[in-house]
Structure formats: structure tokens, C-alpha cells
């Protein structure tokens, strides 16, 4: 089977929405309570890709997982910091798909000029914690009882990853469109493809 990593596009919205739907409906992992429709997911993909990467991993032509980055906060001084998210189809978990996607995502984020990555994980979620810590995230702190879903309050743990050394002053981050024009783009987006074990 051929595993590939590429940028998402709106045509992937239905597949991505289907991966995300049971997480919203059946778990507290996502604090959303209504699964987004394919059209809403398509809008999110387009919004993200205006500046940040949204990657999909495919088994042949089927989308089996995705990872993306978003602004950590809206204030200008935060622009070198991102939040990351990762979701894998249940049938493909424990096959290093998450590690593969994060490897490519981080290579792209570094090339864009981002310095810090953060991930919030609803607790307990040992599988997600293991994936994030395996790629270098370190625990940062816990928001206690911050979200109410499925009849109970939930904690969210936060993890941090230094993507690259901090420089003074840092170079201005570049958008994903500009990065795609560089000759290094195929190596960046494909960096993690050989890691998955399908």
C-alpha cells in the first residue's frame, strides 16, 4: 500500500469530516458538540491554508488521517507560535500515521519560520499524550475542569514543543503559498511519508 502526505484541499472535506465525526459525537476529546458538516470542514480547510499547513495522509487515494496548524493567539507577538491538531481514522491507529503526519507538519512549520508549537489534550488520553511526547512535546500545565461535555467536567493538558532555536530578532514567518513555490517543498511535505507502517 502506498502512503502519501499532501496538502489538504476542499475536496477532502467529506473524508476529514467523517474521521472527526465520531470524536465529536462519542468522546470528550473534542469540545465541539455538533460534528461539522463537509461544507463547514471545507471552509475550515480553506481558512487554514491561507497561511498555515493542513496535511492529509492517504492510503492509496483514501484519506486516513490529518494534521494542521493554526495561530496560537491573535496578538501580533504570538505569530511565531502555533497550535497543532492531529486526527487519525480509527482503523489506522498504532501504525505510525500520526508520527508521519507530524514529521512533515513540523518540517513545514520550521521552514515557514515558526518557533513554538502547542497542543491541548483532553485528559485522560494516553494515546494522544504518547504520540505528542514521542515527537518531543513536553508537558506544560493543565487547565482543570475547563470544559463540560457528556455530563461531566474535563481537564485539558497542554504540551509545548520548541520547533527551532529562538533568534533575536526572528525572521518574519512566510505563508504556505510562498513556501510551496520553493524547490524544497516536495521534501518538506513528504518528510514523514516513509514512517507510516500500513
N, C-alpha and C. Protein backbone atom coordinates (compact mmCIF):
# COMPACT_ATOMS: atom_id res chain seq x y z
N UNK A 1 0.84 -1.19 0.00
CA UNK A 1 0.00 0.00 0.00
C UNK A 1 0.88 1.24 0.00
N UNK A 2 0.45 2.28 -0.73
CA UNK A 2 1.24 3.50 -0.86
C UNK A 2 0.68 4.58 0.06
N UNK A 3 1.47 4.94 1.07
CA UNK A 3 1.08 6.03 1.97
C UNK A 3 1.73 7.31 1.47
N UNK A 4 0.93 8.35 1.32
CA UNK A 4 1.45 9.65 0.89
C UNK A 4 0.91 10.74 1.80
N UNK A 5 1.65 11.85 1.82
CA UNK A 5 1.25 13.04 2.58
C UNK A 5 1.20 14.20 1.60
N UNK A 6 0.14 14.97 1.68
CA UNK A 6 -0.01 16.14 0.81
C UNK A 6 -0.84 17.19 1.53
N UNK A 7 -0.89 18.38 0.94
CA UNK A 7 -1.78 19.40 1.46
C UNK A 7 -3.23 19.00 1.23
N UNK A 8 -4.07 19.29 2.20
CA UNK A 8 -5.50 19.07 2.03
C UNK A 8 -6.06 20.07 1.03
N UNK A 9 -7.19 19.72 0.47
CA UNK A 9 -7.95 20.69 -0.33
C UNK A 9 -9.43 20.48 -0.01
N UNK A 10 -10.28 21.39 -0.42
CA UNK A 10 -11.70 21.28 -0.05
C UNK A 10 -12.35 19.96 -0.47
N UNK A 11 -11.82 19.29 -1.50
CA UNK A 11 -12.38 18.01 -1.91
C UNK A 11 -12.19 16.92 -0.85
N UNK A 12 -11.28 17.15 0.09
CA UNK A 12 -11.06 16.20 1.18
C UNK A 12 -12.03 16.40 2.34
N UNK A 13 -12.87 17.40 2.25
CA UNK A 13 -13.69 17.79 3.40
C UNK A 13 -14.58 16.67 3.91
N UNK A 14 -15.19 15.91 3.01
CA UNK A 14 -16.09 14.83 3.45
C UNK A 14 -15.32 13.76 4.21
N UNK A 15 -14.16 13.37 3.70
CA UNK A 15 -13.35 12.35 4.37
C UNK A 15 -12.87 12.83 5.73
N UNK A 16 -12.44 14.08 5.79
CA UNK A 16 -11.96 14.64 7.05
C UNK A 16 -13.10 14.75 8.05
N UNK A 17 -14.26 15.20 7.58
CA UNK A 17 -15.42 15.30 8.47
C UNK A 17 -15.81 13.93 9.02
N UNK A 18 -15.66 12.89 8.22
CA UNK A 18 -16.04 11.55 8.65
C UNK A 18 -15.06 11.02 9.70
N UNK A 19 -13.78 11.34 9.58
CA UNK A 19 -12.80 10.95 10.61
C UNK A 19 -13.10 11.66 11.92
N UNK A 20 -13.47 12.93 11.82
CA UNK A 20 -13.68 13.77 13.00
C UNK A 20 -15.02 13.51 13.69
N UNK A 21 -16.04 13.11 12.92
CA UNK A 21 -17.41 12.98 13.44
C UNK A 21 -17.51 12.12 14.70
N UNK A 22 -16.99 10.88 14.72
CA UNK A 22 -17.15 10.09 15.95
C UNK A 22 -16.41 10.65 17.15
N UNK A 23 -15.37 11.41 16.91
CA UNK A 23 -14.64 12.04 18.02
C UNK A 23 -15.52 13.10 18.68
N UNK A 24 -16.25 13.84 17.86
CA UNK A 24 -17.16 14.85 18.39
C UNK A 24 -18.36 14.20 19.06
N UNK A 25 -18.94 13.19 18.39
CA UNK A 25 -20.19 12.59 18.88
C UNK A 25 -20.01 11.71 20.11
N UNK A 26 -18.87 11.02 20.20
CA UNK A 26 -18.76 9.95 21.19
C UNK A 26 -17.69 10.15 22.25
N UNK A 27 -16.90 11.21 22.17
CA UNK A 27 -15.81 11.39 23.12
C UNK A 27 -15.73 12.84 23.57
N UNK A 28 -15.02 13.10 24.65
CA UNK A 28 -14.74 14.48 25.05
C UNK A 28 -13.43 15.01 24.46
N UNK A 29 -12.80 14.23 23.58
CA UNK A 29 -11.51 14.64 23.01
C UNK A 29 -11.63 16.00 22.34
N UNK A 30 -12.70 16.17 21.56
CA UNK A 30 -13.02 17.49 21.00
C UNK A 30 -14.11 18.12 21.86
N UNK A 31 -13.98 19.40 22.12
CA UNK A 31 -15.01 20.10 22.88
C UNK A 31 -16.13 20.61 22.00
N UNK A 32 -16.08 20.35 20.70
CA UNK A 32 -17.25 20.62 19.87
C UNK A 32 -18.34 19.62 20.25
N UNK A 33 -19.59 20.02 20.11
CA UNK A 33 -20.70 19.13 20.43
C UNK A 33 -21.50 18.73 19.19
N UNK A 34 -21.36 19.46 18.11
CA UNK A 34 -22.03 19.13 16.85
C UNK A 34 -20.97 18.90 15.78
N UNK A 35 -20.95 17.72 15.17
CA UNK A 35 -19.94 17.47 14.14
C UNK A 35 -20.10 18.44 12.98
N UNK A 36 -19.01 19.03 12.52
CA UNK A 36 -19.11 19.95 11.38
C UNK A 36 -19.48 19.20 10.11
N UNK A 37 -20.27 19.84 9.29
CA UNK A 37 -20.66 19.27 8.00
C UNK A 37 -19.47 19.30 7.05
N UNK A 38 -19.52 18.54 5.97
CA UNK A 38 -18.44 18.63 4.98
C UNK A 38 -18.23 20.06 4.47
N UNK A 39 -19.30 20.81 4.25
CA UNK A 39 -19.12 22.18 3.76
C UNK A 39 -18.42 23.05 4.80
N UNK A 40 -18.77 22.87 6.07
CA UNK A 40 -18.09 23.62 7.13
C UNK A 40 -16.63 23.19 7.23
N UNK A 41 -16.36 21.90 7.11
CA UNK A 41 -14.99 21.43 7.15
C UNK A 41 -14.20 22.00 5.96
N UNK A 42 -14.83 22.06 4.81
CA UNK A 42 -14.17 22.66 3.66
C UNK A 42 -13.80 24.11 3.90
N UNK A 43 -14.71 24.84 4.54
CA UNK A 43 -14.42 26.24 4.87
C UNK A 43 -13.23 26.33 5.81
N UNK A 44 -13.15 25.44 6.80
CA UNK A 44 -12.04 25.45 7.75
C UNK A 44 -10.71 25.15 7.04
N UNK A 45 -10.74 24.20 6.14
CA UNK A 45 -9.53 23.88 5.38
C UNK A 45 -9.05 25.10 4.60
N UNK A 46 -9.97 25.73 3.89
CA UNK A 46 -9.60 26.91 3.09
C UNK A 46 -9.07 28.03 3.98
N UNK A 47 -9.71 28.27 5.11
CA UNK A 47 -9.26 29.32 6.03
C UNK A 47 -7.86 29.03 6.55
N UNK A 48 -7.62 27.78 6.93
CA UNK A 48 -6.30 27.42 7.45
C UNK A 48 -5.22 27.60 6.40
N UNK A 49 -5.49 27.14 5.18
CA UNK A 49 -4.49 27.16 4.12
C UNK A 49 -4.17 28.55 3.60
N UNK A 50 -4.85 29.56 4.12
CA UNK A 50 -4.46 30.93 3.74
C UNK A 50 -3.07 31.26 4.27
N UNK A 51 -2.64 30.57 5.34
CA UNK A 51 -1.31 30.84 5.87
C UNK A 51 -0.62 29.59 6.43
N UNK A 52 -1.39 28.67 7.00
CA UNK A 52 -0.82 27.53 7.72
C UNK A 52 -1.00 26.23 6.94
N UNK A 53 -0.22 25.20 7.28
CA UNK A 53 -0.39 23.91 6.62
C UNK A 53 -1.53 23.09 7.21
N UNK A 54 -2.26 22.42 6.35
CA UNK A 54 -3.21 21.38 6.73
C UNK A 54 -2.87 20.18 5.85
N UNK A 55 -2.38 19.12 6.46
CA UNK A 55 -1.93 17.95 5.73
C UNK A 55 -2.90 16.79 5.87
N UNK A 56 -2.98 15.98 4.82
CA UNK A 56 -3.70 14.72 4.90
C UNK A 56 -2.74 13.59 4.57
N UNK A 57 -2.94 12.46 5.26
CA UNK A 57 -2.23 11.24 4.92
C UNK A 57 -3.19 10.33 4.19
N UNK A 58 -2.74 9.73 3.09
CA UNK A 58 -3.61 8.89 2.30
C UNK A 58 -3.03 7.49 2.13
N UNK A 59 -3.92 6.51 2.15
CA UNK A 59 -3.61 5.14 1.82
C UNK A 59 -4.19 4.92 0.43
N UNK A 60 -3.31 4.86 -0.58
CA UNK A 60 -3.76 4.98 -1.96
C UNK A 60 -4.46 6.32 -2.09
N UNK A 61 -5.75 6.35 -2.38
CA UNK A 61 -6.44 7.64 -2.52
C UNK A 61 -7.31 7.97 -1.32
N UNK A 62 -7.36 7.09 -0.31
CA UNK A 62 -8.25 7.30 0.83
C UNK A 62 -7.56 8.11 1.92
N UNK A 63 -8.22 9.17 2.39
CA UNK A 63 -7.70 9.97 3.49
C UNK A 63 -7.87 9.18 4.79
N UNK A 64 -6.75 8.95 5.49
CA UNK A 64 -6.80 8.14 6.72
C UNK A 64 -6.36 8.93 7.96
N UNK A 65 -5.96 10.16 7.77
CA UNK A 65 -5.57 11.00 8.90
C UNK A 65 -5.23 12.39 8.42
N UNK A 66 -5.22 13.32 9.37
CA UNK A 66 -4.87 14.69 9.01
C UNK A 66 -4.25 15.40 10.20
N UNK A 67 -3.45 16.42 9.88
CA UNK A 67 -2.80 17.24 10.89
C UNK A 67 -2.73 18.66 10.36
N UNK A 68 -2.89 19.62 11.25
CA UNK A 68 -2.82 21.01 10.80
C UNK A 68 -2.31 21.90 11.92
N UNK A 69 -1.96 23.10 11.54
CA UNK A 69 -1.52 24.11 12.49
C UNK A 69 -2.42 25.33 12.37
N UNK A 70 -2.51 26.07 13.46
CA UNK A 70 -3.30 27.30 13.50
C UNK A 70 -2.61 28.29 14.41
N UNK A 71 -2.98 29.54 14.30
CA UNK A 71 -2.41 30.57 15.15
C UNK A 71 -2.65 30.24 16.62
N UNK A 72 -1.61 30.41 17.44
CA UNK A 72 -1.76 30.16 18.87
C UNK A 72 -2.63 31.22 19.52
N UNK A 73 -2.41 32.45 19.19
CA UNK A 73 -3.21 33.58 19.67
C UNK A 73 -3.22 34.65 18.58
N UNK A 74 -4.14 35.60 18.68
CA UNK A 74 -4.29 36.58 17.61
C UNK A 74 -3.34 37.77 17.73
N UNK A 75 -2.80 38.05 18.91
CA UNK A 75 -1.92 39.21 19.07
C UNK A 75 -0.65 39.01 18.24
N UNK A 76 -0.14 40.11 17.71
CA UNK A 76 0.97 40.06 16.74
C UNK A 76 2.21 39.37 17.29
N UNK A 77 2.53 39.56 18.55
CA UNK A 77 3.76 38.99 19.10
C UNK A 77 3.72 37.47 19.20
N UNK A 78 2.52 36.88 19.04
CA UNK A 78 2.39 35.43 19.07
C UNK A 78 2.64 34.77 17.71
N UNK A 79 2.92 35.55 16.67
CA UNK A 79 2.86 34.99 15.32
C UNK A 79 3.91 33.93 15.00
N UNK A 80 4.88 33.71 15.87
CA UNK A 80 5.86 32.63 15.68
C UNK A 80 5.43 31.36 16.40
N UNK A 81 4.25 31.36 17.02
CA UNK A 81 3.75 30.23 17.79
C UNK A 81 2.47 29.69 17.17
N UNK A 82 2.34 28.36 17.16
CA UNK A 82 1.17 27.72 16.56
C UNK A 82 0.60 26.67 17.50
N UNK A 83 -0.68 26.37 17.32
CA UNK A 83 -1.31 25.21 17.92
C UNK A 83 -1.40 24.14 16.85
N UNK A 84 -1.21 22.88 17.24
CA UNK A 84 -1.30 21.79 16.28
C UNK A 84 -2.40 20.82 16.67
N UNK A 85 -2.97 20.15 15.67
CA UNK A 85 -4.01 19.15 15.88
C UNK A 85 -3.74 17.97 14.96
N UNK A 86 -4.12 16.78 15.44
CA UNK A 86 -3.85 15.54 14.73
C UNK A 86 -5.01 14.57 14.96
N UNK A 87 -5.55 14.01 13.87
CA UNK A 87 -6.64 13.03 13.97
C UNK A 87 -6.39 11.91 12.97
N UNK A 88 -6.57 10.68 13.43
CA UNK A 88 -6.32 9.51 12.60
C UNK A 88 -7.57 8.64 12.57
N UNK A 89 -7.91 8.11 11.40
CA UNK A 89 -9.00 7.15 11.26
C UNK A 89 -8.76 5.99 12.23
N UNK A 90 -9.83 5.57 12.93
CA UNK A 90 -9.68 4.54 13.96
C UNK A 90 -9.05 3.26 13.42
N UNK A 91 -9.30 2.93 12.17
CA UNK A 91 -8.76 1.69 11.60
C UNK A 91 -7.26 1.76 11.33
N UNK A 92 -6.68 2.95 11.40
CA UNK A 92 -5.26 3.13 11.08
C UNK A 92 -4.43 3.61 12.26
N UNK A 93 -4.99 3.59 13.44
CA UNK A 93 -4.21 4.00 14.61
C UNK A 93 -3.18 2.93 14.95
N UNK A 94 -2.12 3.34 15.64
CA UNK A 94 -1.00 2.46 16.02
C UNK A 94 -0.22 1.97 14.81
N UNK A 95 -0.25 2.75 13.73
CA UNK A 95 0.52 2.40 12.54
C UNK A 95 1.49 3.52 12.16
N UNK A 96 1.76 4.38 13.10
CA UNK A 96 2.73 5.48 12.95
C UNK A 96 2.28 6.55 11.94
N UNK A 97 0.97 6.58 11.67
CA UNK A 97 0.45 7.59 10.75
C UNK A 97 0.54 8.97 11.39
N UNK A 98 0.22 9.07 12.69
CA UNK A 98 0.32 10.35 13.38
C UNK A 98 1.75 10.86 13.40
N UNK A 99 2.69 9.99 13.68
CA UNK A 99 4.10 10.37 13.68
C UNK A 99 4.52 10.85 12.30
N UNK A 100 4.06 10.16 11.26
CA UNK A 100 4.40 10.55 9.89
C UNK A 100 3.86 11.95 9.56
N UNK A 101 2.60 12.18 9.89
CA UNK A 101 1.99 13.48 9.60
C UNK A 101 2.67 14.60 10.39
N UNK A 102 2.94 14.35 11.67
CA UNK A 102 3.59 15.39 12.46
C UNK A 102 5.01 15.67 11.97
N UNK A 103 5.72 14.65 11.50
CA UNK A 103 7.07 14.87 10.98
C UNK A 103 7.03 15.85 9.81
N UNK A 104 6.13 15.64 8.88
CA UNK A 104 6.01 16.57 7.75
C UNK A 104 5.51 17.93 8.20
N UNK A 105 4.52 17.95 9.09
CA UNK A 105 3.98 19.23 9.56
C UNK A 105 5.06 20.08 10.20
N UNK A 106 5.88 19.48 11.05
CA UNK A 106 6.91 20.25 11.75
C UNK A 106 7.99 20.75 10.80
N UNK A 107 8.33 19.95 9.80
CA UNK A 107 9.32 20.40 8.82
C UNK A 107 8.80 21.64 8.09
N UNK A 108 7.52 21.62 7.75
CA UNK A 108 6.92 22.77 7.06
C UNK A 108 6.88 23.98 7.99
N UNK A 109 6.47 23.78 9.24
CA UNK A 109 6.38 24.90 10.17
C UNK A 109 7.75 25.55 10.41
N UNK A 110 8.78 24.74 10.51
CA UNK A 110 10.14 25.29 10.67
C UNK A 110 10.51 26.10 9.43
N UNK A 111 10.23 25.57 8.25
CA UNK A 111 10.56 26.28 7.02
C UNK A 111 9.78 27.58 6.90
N UNK A 112 8.58 27.63 7.46
CA UNK A 112 7.80 28.87 7.48
C UNK A 112 8.39 29.91 8.42
N UNK A 113 9.16 29.45 9.41
CA UNK A 113 9.72 30.36 10.39
C UNK A 113 9.08 30.30 11.76
N UNK A 114 8.19 29.33 11.98
CA UNK A 114 7.57 29.19 13.30
C UNK A 114 8.56 28.59 14.29
N UNK A 115 8.40 28.94 15.55
CA UNK A 115 9.39 28.59 16.57
C UNK A 115 8.79 27.69 17.66
N UNK A 116 7.55 27.93 18.04
CA UNK A 116 6.91 27.20 19.14
C UNK A 116 5.64 26.51 18.65
N UNK A 117 5.42 25.28 19.12
CA UNK A 117 4.16 24.59 18.84
C UNK A 117 3.55 24.15 20.17
N UNK A 118 2.22 24.22 20.25
CA UNK A 118 1.49 23.85 21.45
C UNK A 118 0.37 22.89 21.08
N UNK A 119 0.04 21.99 21.99
CA UNK A 119 -1.05 21.04 21.77
C UNK A 119 -1.85 20.90 23.05
N UNK A 120 -3.17 21.03 22.93
CA UNK A 120 -4.07 20.81 24.05
C UNK A 120 -4.72 19.44 23.93
N UNK A 121 -4.72 18.67 25.02
CA UNK A 121 -5.25 17.31 25.00
C UNK A 121 -6.22 17.14 26.16
N UNK A 122 -7.47 16.77 25.83
CA UNK A 122 -8.44 16.47 26.87
C UNK A 122 -7.97 15.22 27.62
N UNK A 123 -7.99 15.30 28.95
CA UNK A 123 -7.47 14.21 29.78
C UNK A 123 -8.60 13.41 30.41
N UNK A 124 -8.38 12.08 30.56
CA UNK A 124 -7.19 11.33 30.16
C UNK A 124 -7.24 10.94 28.69
N UNK A 125 -6.10 10.88 28.05
CA UNK A 125 -5.98 10.43 26.67
C UNK A 125 -4.55 9.93 26.47
N UNK A 126 -4.23 8.77 27.03
CA UNK A 126 -2.85 8.29 27.00
C UNK A 126 -2.31 8.09 25.60
N UNK A 127 -3.15 7.72 24.63
CA UNK A 127 -2.66 7.52 23.27
C UNK A 127 -2.18 8.83 22.66
N UNK A 128 -2.96 9.89 22.83
CA UNK A 128 -2.56 11.18 22.29
C UNK A 128 -1.32 11.72 23.00
N UNK A 129 -1.29 11.57 24.32
CA UNK A 129 -0.11 12.01 25.07
C UNK A 129 1.13 11.28 24.56
N UNK A 130 1.01 9.97 24.33
CA UNK A 130 2.16 9.19 23.86
C UNK A 130 2.64 9.67 22.50
N UNK A 131 1.72 9.94 21.59
CA UNK A 131 2.12 10.42 20.26
C UNK A 131 2.83 11.76 20.37
N UNK A 132 2.27 12.68 21.14
CA UNK A 132 2.87 14.00 21.24
C UNK A 132 4.23 13.95 21.92
N UNK A 133 4.34 13.17 22.97
CA UNK A 133 5.63 13.10 23.65
C UNK A 133 6.67 12.36 22.81
N UNK A 134 6.23 11.46 21.95
CA UNK A 134 7.18 10.74 21.09
C UNK A 134 7.83 11.65 20.05
N UNK A 135 7.18 12.76 19.72
CA UNK A 135 7.77 13.70 18.76
C UNK A 135 8.41 14.90 19.46
N UNK A 136 8.49 14.86 20.79
CA UNK A 136 9.24 15.89 21.50
C UNK A 136 8.46 16.88 22.31
N UNK A 137 7.12 16.80 22.29
CA UNK A 137 6.34 17.70 23.13
C UNK A 137 6.62 17.41 24.61
N UNK A 138 6.66 18.48 25.40
CA UNK A 138 6.86 18.36 26.85
C UNK A 138 5.64 18.92 27.58
N UNK A 139 5.23 18.28 28.69
CA UNK A 139 4.06 18.80 29.41
C UNK A 139 4.30 20.20 29.96
N UNK A 140 3.27 21.02 29.85
CA UNK A 140 3.38 22.42 30.24
C UNK A 140 2.49 22.76 31.43
N UNK A 141 1.27 22.24 31.45
CA UNK A 141 0.35 22.53 32.54
C UNK A 141 -1.03 21.99 32.22
N UNK A 142 -1.95 22.15 33.15
CA UNK A 142 -3.30 21.61 32.99
C UNK A 142 -4.32 22.68 33.32
N UNK A 143 -5.32 22.82 32.44
CA UNK A 143 -6.50 23.61 32.75
C UNK A 143 -7.48 22.67 33.44
N UNK A 144 -7.73 22.87 34.71
CA UNK A 144 -8.59 21.99 35.48
C UNK A 144 -10.07 22.28 35.23
N UNK A 145 -10.83 21.23 34.95
CA UNK A 145 -12.29 21.34 34.79
C UNK A 145 -12.67 22.50 33.87
N UNK A 146 -12.04 22.55 32.72
CA UNK A 146 -12.22 23.70 31.84
C UNK A 146 -13.36 23.51 30.84
N UNK A 147 -13.76 22.26 30.60
CA UNK A 147 -14.84 22.02 29.64
C UNK A 147 -15.84 21.02 30.15
N UNK A 148 -17.13 21.25 29.86
CA UNK A 148 -18.20 20.35 30.30
C UNK A 148 -18.81 19.69 29.08
N UNK A 149 -18.72 18.37 29.02
CA UNK A 149 -19.27 17.61 27.90
C UNK A 149 -19.59 16.21 28.37
N UNK A 150 -20.64 15.62 27.81
CA UNK A 150 -21.06 14.26 28.14
C UNK A 150 -21.30 14.10 29.65
N UNK A 151 -21.86 15.13 30.24
CA UNK A 151 -22.30 15.04 31.63
C UNK A 151 -21.24 15.22 32.68
N UNK A 152 -20.03 15.66 32.30
CA UNK A 152 -19.01 15.85 33.32
C UNK A 152 -17.99 16.90 32.88
N UNK A 153 -17.24 17.39 33.86
CA UNK A 153 -16.19 18.36 33.61
C UNK A 153 -14.90 17.64 33.21
N UNK A 154 -14.13 18.29 32.34
CA UNK A 154 -12.90 17.68 31.83
C UNK A 154 -11.72 18.64 31.95
N UNK A 155 -10.56 18.06 32.27
CA UNK A 155 -9.30 18.80 32.25
C UNK A 155 -8.71 18.78 30.84
N UNK A 156 -7.94 19.81 30.53
CA UNK A 156 -7.16 19.83 29.29
C UNK A 156 -5.71 20.07 29.66
N UNK A 157 -4.87 19.14 29.27
CA UNK A 157 -3.43 19.31 29.45
C UNK A 157 -2.83 20.02 28.26
N UNK A 158 -1.77 20.78 28.51
CA UNK A 158 -1.09 21.49 27.43
C UNK A 158 0.36 21.03 27.36
N UNK A 159 0.79 20.84 26.13
CA UNK A 159 2.16 20.41 25.83
C UNK A 159 2.82 21.43 24.92
N UNK A 160 4.14 21.55 25.01
CA UNK A 160 4.88 22.51 24.17
C UNK A 160 6.04 21.81 23.47
N UNK A 161 6.37 22.34 22.30
CA UNK A 161 7.50 21.84 21.51
C UNK A 161 8.25 23.03 20.92
N UNK A 162 9.55 23.08 21.17
CA UNK A 162 10.38 24.10 20.51
C UNK A 162 10.74 23.57 19.13
N UNK A 163 10.20 24.19 18.10
CA UNK A 163 10.42 23.74 16.73
C UNK A 163 11.83 24.03 16.25
N UNK A 164 12.38 25.15 16.69
CA UNK A 164 13.74 25.53 16.32
C UNK A 164 14.23 26.56 17.32
N UNK A 165 15.55 26.80 17.37
CA UNK A 165 16.07 27.75 18.35
C UNK A 165 15.48 29.15 18.16
N UNK A 166 15.35 29.86 19.26
CA UNK A 166 14.84 31.22 19.25
C UNK A 166 15.95 32.19 18.86
N UNK A 167 15.66 33.06 17.90
CA UNK A 167 16.63 34.05 17.43
C UNK A 167 16.11 35.44 17.74
N UNK A 168 17.03 36.37 17.92
CA UNK A 168 16.67 37.77 18.16
C UNK A 168 17.29 38.66 17.08
N UNK A 169 16.48 39.29 16.25
CA UNK A 169 15.03 39.12 16.11
C UNK A 169 14.72 37.92 15.22
N UNK A 170 13.54 37.32 15.34
CA UNK A 170 13.19 36.21 14.46
C UNK A 170 12.80 36.71 13.08
N UNK A 171 13.04 35.88 12.07
CA UNK A 171 12.58 36.21 10.72
C UNK A 171 11.06 36.15 10.68
N UNK A 172 10.47 36.98 9.86
CA UNK A 172 9.02 37.00 9.72
C UNK A 172 8.53 35.68 9.12
N UNK A 173 7.52 35.04 9.70
CA UNK A 173 7.00 33.80 9.11
C UNK A 173 6.47 34.02 7.69
N UNK A 174 6.63 33.01 6.86
CA UNK A 174 6.14 33.08 5.48
C UNK A 174 4.92 32.18 5.35
N UNK A 175 4.03 32.55 4.46
CA UNK A 175 2.80 31.79 4.25
C UNK A 175 3.03 30.50 3.50
N UNK A 176 2.06 29.62 3.59
CA UNK A 176 2.17 28.31 2.95
C UNK A 176 2.24 28.44 1.43
N UNK A 177 1.57 29.42 0.84
CA UNK A 177 1.62 29.60 -0.62
C UNK A 177 3.04 29.90 -1.07
N UNK A 178 3.73 30.80 -0.35
CA UNK A 178 5.10 31.15 -0.71
C UNK A 178 6.02 29.94 -0.56
N UNK A 179 5.81 29.17 0.47
CA UNK A 179 6.67 28.01 0.71
C UNK A 179 6.52 26.97 -0.40
N UNK A 180 5.33 26.82 -0.92
CA UNK A 180 5.11 25.84 -1.98
C UNK A 180 5.86 26.17 -3.26
N UNK A 181 6.26 27.42 -3.42
CA UNK A 181 7.00 27.82 -4.63
C UNK A 181 8.48 27.48 -4.54
N UNK A 182 8.94 27.08 -3.37
CA UNK A 182 10.36 26.78 -3.20
C UNK A 182 10.66 25.35 -3.64
N UNK A 183 11.89 25.14 -4.11
CA UNK A 183 12.27 23.81 -4.61
C UNK A 183 12.27 22.75 -3.52
N UNK A 184 12.37 23.19 -2.26
CA UNK A 184 12.40 22.24 -1.14
C UNK A 184 11.02 21.70 -0.77
N UNK A 185 9.95 22.24 -1.35
CA UNK A 185 8.60 21.88 -0.94
C UNK A 185 8.34 20.37 -0.98
N UNK A 186 8.64 19.65 -2.06
CA UNK A 186 8.35 18.21 -2.07
C UNK A 186 9.02 17.44 -0.93
N UNK A 187 10.24 17.84 -0.57
CA UNK A 187 10.94 17.18 0.53
C UNK A 187 10.29 17.50 1.87
N UNK A 188 9.80 18.71 2.02
CA UNK A 188 9.15 19.10 3.27
C UNK A 188 7.85 18.33 3.48
N UNK A 189 6.98 18.37 2.48
CA UNK A 189 5.66 17.75 2.65
C UNK A 189 5.78 16.23 2.71
N UNK A 190 6.75 15.67 2.07
CA UNK A 190 6.91 14.22 2.08
C UNK A 190 7.82 13.68 3.15
N UNK A 191 8.30 14.55 4.04
CA UNK A 191 9.34 14.15 5.00
C UNK A 191 8.95 12.95 5.85
N UNK A 192 7.69 12.84 6.21
CA UNK A 192 7.28 11.76 7.10
C UNK A 192 6.69 10.55 6.41
N UNK A 193 6.58 10.57 5.10
CA UNK A 193 5.81 9.53 4.39
C UNK A 193 6.34 8.13 4.64
N UNK A 194 7.64 7.97 4.77
CA UNK A 194 8.21 6.62 4.92
C UNK A 194 8.06 6.06 6.34
N UNK A 195 7.57 6.89 7.27
CA UNK A 195 7.47 6.48 8.67
C UNK A 195 6.27 5.59 8.95
N UNK A 196 5.16 5.84 8.23
CA UNK A 196 3.93 5.08 8.48
C UNK A 196 4.13 3.61 8.14
N UNK A 197 3.44 2.74 8.88
CA UNK A 197 3.51 1.29 8.66
C UNK A 197 2.10 0.77 8.40
N UNK A 198 1.71 0.76 7.15
CA UNK A 198 0.36 0.31 6.81
C UNK A 198 0.34 -1.18 6.52
